Amino acid sequence: MGNIILTSDDFGLSKIYNREILLAIQSDLLSSVSIMVNGHIIKQQQQVLTLVSLAKEKNISLGLHLEISDNENDIKQLCHNQWDKFVAIVGVKPDYIDIHKDHLFRKFYNDIASFCVKKGVAFRKYKETTVQLKAPDDMFMASSNSLTNLEAKLKELKPNETLELVFHIGMYDENVISSLNKERAEDRAKLEWAHEIINELGLKVVSYNQLK
């Protein structure tokens, strides 16, 4: 039986996005949430408390969604700073780490992976990473792919392998500049559809907490 991690990125970017992510968790649609700790999350404490409570109740893994600037020159210090901020805001340590707009920061993958090893947490599967550590076997960006491609990816999963499907759940928020702003509402429907295929194929939904 193959395993599927169902993640939504970008918790903390918008109260509207947060609300929709929490609703998806309450509907048992997600098994993992990646949290952004820079920006507005300090003003979203009630939603953070709700997320932590739901995570404990439903065994949802909570990850640090690293935000990296274009001119970053000390990635190790950035990792430490955002890790500490995550613990201060969320009240627990991250279960894993991944990267906001990851394709722009491939040169940092191994440095971040090494940080994950030191902290004893998993790292999202980026094929360019050469550091050996705990990670899913593969990652698929569901938000930017068609339903046909998503179904094909699920069907090719081998027994005992773990695939992470990454979504960006939300609704349009006029106060947020995001390339996926309008598409976030569509991701909820795509996530629901993915569950149908997962059930048809007899796959198991897991979280990062269940990675070995």
C-alpha atoms as a PDB file:
ATOM      1  CA  MET A   1       0.000   0.000   0.000  1.00  0.00           C
ATOM      2  CA  GLY A   2       1.336   3.430  -0.945  1.00  0.00           C
ATOM      3  CA  ASN A   3       1.210   6.369   1.458  1.00  0.00           C
ATOM      4  CA  ILE A   4       0.054   9.909   0.722  1.00  0.00           C
ATOM      5  CA  ILE A   5       0.816  13.090   2.660  1.00  0.00           C
ATOM      6  CA  LEU A   6      -1.735  15.813   1.894  1.00  0.00           C
ATOM      7  CA  THR A   7      -0.217  19.215   2.651  1.00  0.00           C
ATOM      8  CA  SER A   8      -1.382  22.788   2.359  1.00  0.00           C
ATOM      9  CA  ASP A   9       1.325  25.428   2.293  1.00  0.00           C
ATOM     10  CA  ASP A  10       1.090  29.072   3.368  1.00  0.00           C
ATOM     11  CA  PHE A  11      -0.702  29.017   6.724  1.00  0.00           C
ATOM     12  CA  GLY A  12       0.027  32.444   8.209  1.00  0.00           C
ATOM     13  CA  LEU A  13       0.020  34.338   4.935  1.00  0.00           C
ATOM     14  CA  SER A  14      -3.634  35.394   5.263  1.00  0.00           C
ATOM     15  CA  LYS A  15      -6.481  34.998   7.751  1.00  0.00           C
ATOM     16  CA  ILE A  16      -8.694  33.996   4.834  1.00  0.00           C
ATOM     17  CA  TYR A  17      -6.240  31.295   3.760  1.00  0.00           C
ATOM     18  CA  ASN A  18      -5.945  30.148   7.377  1.00  0.00           C
ATOM     19  CA  ARG A  19      -9.715  29.851   7.704  1.00  0.00           C
ATOM     20  CA  GLU A  20      -9.977  27.649   4.627  1.00  0.00           C
ATOM     21  CA  ILE A  21      -7.052  25.471   5.712  1.00  0.00           C
ATOM     22  CA  LEU A  22      -8.675  24.955   9.121  1.00  0.00           C
ATOM     23  CA  LEU A  23     -11.965  24.021   7.454  1.00  0.00           C
ATOM     24  CA  ALA A  24     -10.136  21.484   5.292  1.00  0.00           C
ATOM     25  CA  ILE A  25      -8.546  19.941   8.393  1.00  0.00           C
ATOM     26  CA  GLN A  26     -11.926  19.775  10.126  1.00  0.00           C
ATOM     27  CA  SER A  27     -13.246  17.953   7.045  1.00  0.00           C
ATOM     28  CA  ASP A  28     -10.377  15.429   7.286  1.00  0.00           C
ATOM     29  CA  LEU A  29      -8.942  16.516   3.944  1.00  0.00           C
ATOM     30  CA  LEU A  30      -5.398  17.445   5.050  1.00  0.00           C
ATOM     31  CA  SER A  31      -2.710  15.572   6.963  1.00  0.00           C
ATOM     32  CA  SER A  32      -0.043  18.282   7.008  1.00  0.00           C
ATOM     33  CA  VAL A  33       0.200  22.092   7.144  1.00  0.00           C
ATOM     34  CA  SER A  34       3.226  24.284   6.409  1.00  0.00           C
ATOM     35  CA  ILE A  35       3.397  27.501   8.429  1.00  0.00           C
ATOM     36  CA  MET A  36       4.953  30.860   7.512  1.00  0.00           C
ATOM     37  CA  VAL A  37       6.273  32.666  10.594  1.00  0.00           C
ATOM     38  CA  ASN A  38       7.351  35.985   9.090  1.00  0.00           C
ATOM     39  CA  GLY A  39       4.650  38.562   8.492  1.00  0.00           C
ATOM     40  CA  HIS A  40       1.094  38.616   9.779  1.00  0.00           C
ATOM     41  CA  ILE A  41       0.905  35.371  11.765  1.00  0.00           C
ATOM     42  CA  ILE A  42       1.677  37.223  15.005  1.00  0.00           C
ATOM     43  CA  LYS A  43      -1.804  38.786  14.625  1.00  0.00           C
ATOM     44  CA  GLN A  44      -3.468  35.420  13.922  1.00  0.00           C
ATOM     45  CA  GLN A  45      -2.989  33.816  17.324  1.00  0.00           C
ATOM     46  CA  GLN A  46      -6.507  32.442  17.689  1.00  0.00           C
ATOM     47  CA  GLN A  47      -6.219  30.643  14.354  1.00  0.00           C
ATOM     48  CA  VAL A  48      -2.788  29.336  15.389  1.00  0.00           C
ATOM     49  CA  LEU A  49      -4.258  27.945  18.618  1.00  0.00           C
ATOM     50  CA  THR A  50      -7.046  26.285  16.645  1.00  0.00           C
ATOM     51  CA  LEU A  51      -4.513  24.767  14.250  1.00  0.00           C
ATOM     52  CA  VAL A  52      -2.382  23.349  17.066  1.00  0.00           C
ATOM     53  CA  SER A  53      -5.445  21.880  18.775  1.00  0.00           C
ATOM     54  CA  LEU A  54      -6.647  20.247  15.555  1.00  0.00           C
ATOM     55  CA  ALA A  55      -3.149  18.971  14.804  1.00  0.00           C
ATOM     56  CA  LYS A  56      -3.049  17.146  18.138  1.00  0.00           C
ATOM     57  CA  GLU A  57      -6.558  15.778  17.688  1.00  0.00           C
ATOM     58  CA  LYS A  58      -6.072  14.557  14.113  1.00  0.00           C
ATOM     59  CA  ASN A  59      -2.314  13.798  14.053  1.00  0.00           C
ATOM     60  CA  ILE A  60      -1.605  16.594  11.577  1.00  0.00           C
ATOM     61  CA  SER A  61       2.070  17.355  11.004  1.00  0.00           C
ATOM     62  CA  LEU A  62       3.052  21.022  11.248  1.00  0.00           C
ATOM     63  CA  GLY A  63       6.001  22.243   9.204  1.00  0.00           C
ATOM     64  CA  LEU A  64       8.132  25.365   8.977  1.00  0.00           C
ATOM     65  CA  HIS A  65       7.587  26.967   5.562  1.00  0.00           C
ATOM     66  CA  LEU A  66      10.910  28.796   5.217  1.00  0.00           C
ATOM     67  CA  GLU A  67      10.816  32.255   3.648  1.00  0.00           C
ATOM     68  CA  ILE A  68      14.061  33.192   1.904  1.00  0.00           C
ATOM     69  CA  SER A  69      14.928  36.554   0.362  1.00  0.00           C
ATOM     70  CA  ASP A  70      16.591  36.868  -3.030  1.00  0.00           C
ATOM     71  CA  ASN A  71      19.757  38.293  -1.483  1.00  0.00           C
ATOM     72  CA  GLU A  72      20.038  35.883   1.440  1.00  0.00           C
ATOM     73  CA  ASN A  73      23.688  35.274   2.397  1.00  0.00           C
ATOM     74  CA  ASP A  74      23.405  33.368   5.694  1.00  0.00           C
ATOM     75  CA  ILE A  75      20.954  30.528   5.211  1.00  0.00           C
ATOM     76  CA  LYS A  76      21.985  28.726   8.404  1.00  0.00           C
ATOM     77  CA  GLN A  77      21.191  31.755  10.559  1.00  0.00           C
ATOM     78  CA  LEU A  78      17.901  32.215   8.720  1.00  0.00           C
ATOM     79  CA  CYS A  79      16.958  28.615   9.511  1.00  0.00           C
ATOM     80  CA  HIS A  80      17.764  29.116  13.190  1.00  0.00           C
ATOM     81  CA  ASN A  81      15.843  32.398  13.356  1.00  0.00           C
ATOM     82  CA  GLN A  82      12.681  31.060  11.730  1.00  0.00           C
ATOM     83  CA  TRP A  83      12.850  27.820  13.720  1.00  0.00           C
ATOM     84  CA  ASP A  84      12.972  29.794  16.968  1.00  0.00           C
ATOM     85  CA  LYS A  85      10.158  32.054  15.798  1.00  0.00           C
ATOM     86  CA  PHE A  86       8.032  28.997  14.911  1.00  0.00           C
ATOM     87  CA  VAL A  87       8.510  27.571  18.411  1.00  0.00           C
ATOM     88  CA  ALA A  88       7.674  30.930  20.003  1.00  0.00           C
ATOM     89  CA  ILE A  89       4.510  31.477  17.949  1.00  0.00           C
ATOM     90  CA  VAL A  90       3.173  27.941  17.517  1.00  0.00           C
ATOM     91  CA  GLY A  91       4.308  26.563  20.863  1.00  0.00           C
ATOM     92  CA  VAL A  92       5.707  23.318  19.453  1.00  0.00           C
ATOM     93  CA  LYS A  93       8.701  22.378  17.336  1.00  0.00           C
ATOM     94  CA  PRO A  94       8.198  21.878  13.579  1.00  0.00           C
ATOM     95  CA  ASP A  95       7.735  18.290  12.422  1.00  0.00           C
ATOM     96  CA  TYR A  96       9.472  19.081   9.133  1.00  0.00           C
ATOM     97  CA  ILE A  97      10.782  21.939   6.996  1.00  0.00           C
ATOM     98  CA  ASP A  98      10.034  23.012   3.440  1.00  0.00           C
ATOM     99  CA  ILE A  99      10.595  26.164   1.392  1.00  0.00           C
ATOM    100  CA  HIS A 100       8.299  28.935   0.166  1.00  0.00           C
ATOM    101  CA  LYS A 101       8.833  29.382  -3.603  1.00  0.00           C
ATOM    102  CA  ASP A 102      11.341  26.554  -3.397  1.00  0.00           C
ATOM    103  CA  HIS A 103      12.326  26.546  -7.082  1.00  0.00           C
ATOM    104  CA  LEU A 104      14.093  29.889  -6.597  1.00  0.00           C
ATOM    105  CA  PHE A 105      16.417  28.598  -3.895  1.00  0.00           C
ATOM    106  CA  ARG A 106      17.828  25.270  -5.085  1.00  0.00           C
ATOM    107  CA  LYS A 107      21.345  26.334  -4.085  1.00  0.00           C
ATOM    108  CA  PHE A 108      20.261  26.208  -0.430  1.00  0.00           C
ATOM    109  CA  TYR A 109      18.636  22.753  -0.434  1.00  0.00           C
ATOM    110  CA  ASN A 110      21.602  20.882   1.042  1.00  0.00           C
ATOM    111  CA  ASP A 111      22.288  23.538   3.678  1.00  0.00           C
ATOM    112  CA  ILE A 112      18.672  23.397   4.813  1.00  0.00           C
ATOM    113  CA  ALA A 113      18.706  19.595   4.699  1.00  0.00           C
ATOM    114  CA  SER A 114      21.773  19.588   6.966  1.00  0.00           C
ATOM    115  CA  PHE A 115      19.925  21.866   9.386  1.00  0.00           C
ATOM    116  CA  CYS A 116      17.023  19.390   9.386  1.00  0.00           C
ATOM    117  CA  VAL A 117      19.418  16.559  10.222  1.00  0.00           C
ATOM    118  CA  LYS A 118      20.754  18.515  13.205  1.00  0.00           C
ATOM    119  CA  LYS A 119      17.224  19.207  14.411  1.00  0.00           C
ATOM    120  CA  GLY A 120      16.076  15.637  13.803  1.00  0.00           C
ATOM    121  CA  VAL A 121      13.185  16.585  11.520  1.00  0.00           C
ATOM    122  CA  ALA A 122      12.163  15.689   7.980  1.00  0.00           C
ATOM    123  CA  PHE A 123      12.659  17.791   4.855  1.00  0.00           C
ATOM    124  CA  ARG A 124      10.334  17.970   1.875  1.00  0.00           C
ATOM    125  CA  LYS A 125      11.556  15.843  -1.038  1.00  0.00           C
ATOM    126  CA  TYR A 126      13.502  18.019  -3.452  1.00  0.00           C
ATOM    127  CA  LYS A 127      15.239  15.902  -6.073  1.00  0.00           C
ATOM    128  CA  GLU A 128      18.322  18.118  -6.051  1.00  0.00           C
ATOM    129  CA  THR A 129      18.995  17.392  -2.367  1.00  0.00           C
ATOM    130  CA  THR A 130      21.927  15.006  -1.879  1.00  0.00           C
ATOM    131  CA  VAL A 131      21.994  14.981   1.938  1.00  0.00           C
ATOM    132  CA  GLN A 132      20.593  11.747   3.370  1.00  0.00           C
ATOM    133  CA  LEU A 133      17.714  12.430   5.746  1.00  0.00           C
ATOM    134  CA  LYS A 134      14.100  11.639   6.537  1.00  0.00           C
ATOM    135  CA  ALA A 135      11.831  12.703   3.665  1.00  0.00           C
ATOM    136  CA  PRO A 136       8.936  11.452   1.556  1.00  0.00           C
ATOM    137  CA  ASP A 137       9.983   9.418  -1.489  1.00  0.00           C
ATOM    138  CA  ASP A 138       8.530  12.023  -3.819  1.00  0.00           C
ATOM    139  CA  MET A 139       6.687  15.349  -3.912  1.00  0.00           C
ATOM    140  CA  PHE A 140       4.085  16.531  -6.415  1.00  0.00           C
ATOM    141  CA  MET A 141       2.887  20.124  -6.655  1.00  0.00           C
ATOM    142  CA  ALA A 142      -0.838  19.502  -7.077  1.00  0.00           C
ATOM    143  CA  SER A 143      -1.674  23.214  -7.235  1.00  0.00           C
ATOM    144  CA  SER A 144       0.069  23.711 -10.566  1.00  0.00           C
ATOM    145  CA  ASN A 145      -0.897  20.431 -12.215  1.00  0.00           C
ATOM    146  CA  SER A 146      -3.992  19.128 -13.952  1.00  0.00           C
ATOM    147  CA  LEU A 147      -6.311  16.496 -12.535  1.00  0.00           C
ATOM    148  CA  THR A 148      -5.076  14.131 -15.250  1.00  0.00           C
ATOM    149  CA  ASN A 149      -1.465  14.547 -14.160  1.00  0.00           C
ATOM    150  CA  LEU A 150      -2.447  14.219 -10.510  1.00  0.00           C
ATOM    151  CA  GLU A 151      -4.280  10.955 -11.130  1.00  0.00           C
ATOM    152  CA  ALA A 152      -1.359   9.590 -13.137  1.00  0.00           C
ATOM    153  CA  LYS A 153       1.045  10.458 -10.320  1.00  0.00           C
ATOM    154  CA  LEU A 154      -1.099   8.639  -7.777  1.00  0.00           C
ATOM    155  CA  LYS A 155      -1.400   5.569  -9.985  1.00  0.00           C
ATOM    156  CA  GLU A 156       2.373   5.230 -10.403  1.00  0.00           C
ATOM    157  CA  LEU A 157       3.024   5.184  -6.639  1.00  0.00           C
ATOM    158  CA  LYS A 158       4.665   1.930  -5.565  1.00  0.00           C
ATOM    159  CA  PRO A 159       3.794  -0.046  -2.413  1.00  0.00           C
ATOM    160  CA  ASN A 160       5.449   1.286   0.756  1.00  0.00           C
ATOM    161  CA  GLU A 161       6.476   4.532  -0.954  1.00  0.00           C
ATOM    162  CA  THR A 162       5.307   7.900   0.382  1.00  0.00           C
ATOM    163  CA  LEU A 163       4.238  10.713  -1.935  1.00  0.00           C
ATOM    164  CA  GLU A 164       3.514  14.235  -0.710  1.00  0.00           C
ATOM    165  CA  LEU A 165       0.836  16.154  -2.604  1.00  0.00           C
ATOM    166  CA  VAL A 166       1.188  19.901  -2.061  1.00  0.00           C
ATOM    167  CA  PHE A 167      -1.827  22.213  -2.240  1.00  0.00           C
ATOM    168  CA  HIS A 168      -2.398  25.893  -1.510  1.00  0.00           C
ATOM    169  CA  ILE A 169      -5.837  25.985   0.100  1.00  0.00           C
ATOM    170  CA  GLY A 170      -7.641  29.306   0.416  1.00  0.00           C
ATOM    171  CA  MET A 171     -10.058  31.803  -1.079  1.00  0.00           C
ATOM    172  CA  TYR A 172      -9.286  34.991  -2.965  1.00  0.00           C
ATOM    173  CA  ASP A 173      -7.860  37.642  -0.635  1.00  0.00           C
ATOM    174  CA  GLU A 174      -7.508  41.084  -2.166  1.00  0.00           C
ATOM    175  CA  ASN A 175      -4.994  42.060   0.501  1.00  0.00           C
ATOM    176  CA  VAL A 176      -2.460  39.415  -0.517  1.00  0.00           C
ATOM    177  CA  ILE A 177      -0.096  39.531  -3.467  1.00  0.00           C
ATOM    178  CA  SER A 178       0.187  35.903  -4.551  1.00  0.00           C
ATOM    179  CA  SER A 179       0.559  34.225  -7.919  1.00  0.00           C
ATOM    180  CA  LEU A 180      -1.909  31.578  -6.719  1.00  0.00           C
ATOM    181  CA  ASN A 181      -4.467  33.929  -5.157  1.00  0.00           C
ATOM    182  CA  LYS A 182      -7.398  33.100  -7.450  1.00  0.00           C
ATOM    183  CA  GLU A 183      -6.475  29.424  -7.800  1.00  0.00           C
ATOM    184  CA  ARG A 184      -6.587  28.669  -4.080  1.00  0.00           C
ATOM    185  CA  ALA A 185     -10.351  28.112  -4.038  1.00  0.00           C
ATOM    186  CA  GLU A 186      -9.927  25.592  -6.860  1.00  0.00           C
ATOM    187  CA  ASP A 187      -7.415  23.671  -4.756  1.00  0.00           C
ATOM    188  CA  ARG A 188     -10.119  22.719  -2.248  1.00  0.00           C
ATOM    189  CA  ALA A 189     -12.082  20.984  -5.023  1.00  0.00           C
ATOM    190  CA  LYS A 190      -8.877  19.413  -6.361  1.00  0.00           C
ATOM    191  CA  LEU A 191      -8.058  18.108  -2.874  1.00  0.00           C
ATOM    192  CA  GLU A 192     -11.525  16.581  -2.508  1.00  0.00           C
ATOM    193  CA  TRP A 193     -11.139  14.931  -5.919  1.00  0.00           C
ATOM    194  CA  ALA A 194      -7.713  13.585  -4.929  1.00  0.00           C
ATOM    195  CA  HIS A 195      -9.329  11.883  -1.931  1.00  0.00           C
ATOM    196  CA  GLU A 196     -11.682  10.033  -4.271  1.00  0.00           C
ATOM    197  CA  ILE A 197      -8.771   8.676  -6.308  1.00  0.00           C
ATOM    198  CA  ILE A 198      -6.781   7.849  -3.168  1.00  0.00           C
ATOM    199  CA  ASN A 199      -9.722   5.816  -1.860  1.00  0.00           C
ATOM    200  CA  GLU A 200     -10.251   4.075  -5.200  1.00  0.00           C
ATOM    201  CA  LEU A 201      -6.593   3.054  -5.314  1.00  0.00           C
ATOM    202  CA  GLY A 202      -6.543   1.918  -1.691  1.00  0.00           C
ATOM    203  CA  LEU A 203      -3.783   4.328  -0.704  1.00  0.00           C
ATOM    204  CA  LYS A 204      -3.208   5.396   2.898  1.00  0.00           C
ATOM    205  CA  VAL A 205      -3.191   9.036   4.026  1.00  0.00           C
ATOM    206  CA  VAL A 206      -0.378   9.719   6.501  1.00  0.00           C
ATOM    207  CA  SER A 207       1.450  12.714   7.957  1.00  0.00           C
ATOM    208  CA  TYR A 208       5.132  13.576   8.256  1.00  0.00           C
ATOM    209  CA  ASN A 209       4.913  12.193  11.790  1.00  0.00           C
ATOM    210  CA  GLN A 210       4.602   8.688  10.354  1.00  0.00           C
ATOM    211  CA  LEU A 211       7.704   8.817   8.166  1.00  0.00           C
ATOM    212  CA  LYS A 212      10.410   6.336   9.151  1.00  0.00           C
END
